[in-house]
Amino acid sequence: AKVVIKPSDGASMPIEITRETFNEICRDLIERVSNLCTNVLSQSGDLSWKDIDRIILAGGSTRMPMIIDFLQEISGKEIQTN
């Protein structure tokens, strides 16, 4: 994708970024999602992924394919994006 960056001096600079680069830049987001899921399941008592019927995504980062892929991987559930 082509992205336009506007530094504080006001000059815009278009750059091209690959999905791999974007995923690397956002890798810490996966760590935060993983920690959040682990904490929620831990605090729920006896729940595990097998007890969850459906995962409903909310929020902007849930539109990122890397987040959807990660949640499907750790949950073993198919996530509907529509």
Protein backbone atom coordinates (compact mmCIF):
# COMPACT_ATOMS: atom_id res chain seq x y z
CA ALA A 1 0.00 0.00 0.00
CA LYS A 2 1.06 3.57 -0.50
CA VAL A 3 0.97 5.69 2.65
CA VAL A 4 1.52 9.41 2.99
CA ILE A 5 3.48 10.49 6.05
CA LYS A 6 3.32 14.09 7.26
CA PRO A 7 6.17 14.92 9.62
CA SER A 8 5.85 17.90 11.97
CA ASP A 9 7.46 20.24 9.41
CA GLY A 10 4.37 19.84 7.22
CA ALA A 11 6.03 18.30 4.15
CA SER A 12 4.26 15.13 3.08
CA MET A 13 6.26 12.11 2.03
CA PRO A 14 4.63 9.17 0.22
CA ILE A 15 6.10 5.76 1.00
CA GLU A 16 5.19 2.23 0.01
CA ILE A 17 4.84 -0.41 2.72
CA THR A 18 4.44 -4.16 2.33
CA ARG A 19 2.16 -6.29 4.47
CA GLU A 20 5.22 -8.00 5.95
CA THR A 21 6.72 -4.65 7.00
CA PHE A 22 3.39 -3.48 8.40
CA ASN A 23 3.01 -6.69 10.40
CA GLU A 24 6.53 -6.31 11.79
CA ILE A 25 5.85 -2.72 12.81
CA CYS A 26 2.61 -3.80 14.56
CA ARG A 27 4.02 -6.95 16.17
CA ASP A 28 3.61 -5.51 19.68
CA LEU A 29 -0.13 -5.33 19.01
CA ILE A 30 -0.24 -9.13 18.71
CA GLU A 31 1.50 -9.39 22.08
CA ARG A 32 -1.08 -7.08 23.66
CA VAL A 33 -3.99 -9.03 22.13
CA SER A 34 -2.46 -12.29 23.34
CA ASN A 35 -2.03 -10.94 26.88
CA LEU A 36 -5.58 -9.58 26.92
CA CYS A 37 -7.07 -12.91 25.79
CA THR A 38 -5.00 -14.83 28.32
CA ASN A 39 -6.02 -12.49 31.14
CA VAL A 40 -9.73 -12.56 30.25
CA LEU A 41 -9.84 -16.36 30.12
CA SER A 42 -7.81 -16.61 33.34
CA GLN A 43 -10.06 -14.19 35.22
CA SER A 44 -13.23 -15.88 33.97
CA GLY A 45 -12.65 -18.85 36.21
CA ASP A 46 -13.06 -22.12 34.35
CA LEU A 47 -13.51 -20.88 30.77
CA SER A 48 -11.24 -21.94 27.94
CA TRP A 49 -11.41 -21.44 24.18
CA LYS A 50 -13.46 -24.64 23.81
CA ASP A 51 -16.20 -23.06 25.95
CA ILE A 52 -16.57 -20.10 23.59
CA ASP A 53 -19.02 -20.55 20.72
CA ARG A 54 -18.34 -17.41 18.71
CA ILE A 55 -15.86 -14.54 18.66
CA ILE A 56 -17.20 -11.10 17.79
CA LEU A 57 -14.58 -8.52 16.90
CA ALA A 58 -14.97 -4.82 17.75
CA GLY A 59 -12.65 -1.88 17.24
CA GLY A 60 -10.38 -0.64 14.49
CA SER A 61 -7.47 -3.05 14.93
CA THR A 62 -9.81 -6.01 14.47
CA ARG A 63 -9.97 -5.11 10.77
CA MET A 64 -6.30 -5.99 10.44
CA PRO A 65 -5.79 -9.42 8.82
CA MET A 66 -2.91 -10.16 11.22
CA ILE A 67 -5.24 -9.78 14.23
CA ILE A 68 -7.95 -11.96 12.67
CA ASP A 69 -5.38 -14.64 11.72
CA PHE A 70 -3.85 -14.58 15.20
CA LEU A 71 -7.21 -14.91 16.98
CA GLN A 72 -8.23 -17.79 14.70
CA GLU A 73 -4.91 -19.48 15.43
CA ILE A 74 -5.07 -19.24 19.23
CA SER A 75 -8.80 -19.90 19.52
CA GLY A 76 -9.22 -22.59 16.89
CA LYS A 77 -12.41 -20.77 15.86
CA GLU A 78 -13.42 -19.39 12.48
CA ILE A 79 -13.94 -15.67 12.82
CA GLN A 80 -16.55 -14.02 10.63
CA THR A 81 -15.52 -10.54 9.56
CA ASN A 82 -18.90 -9.38 8.23
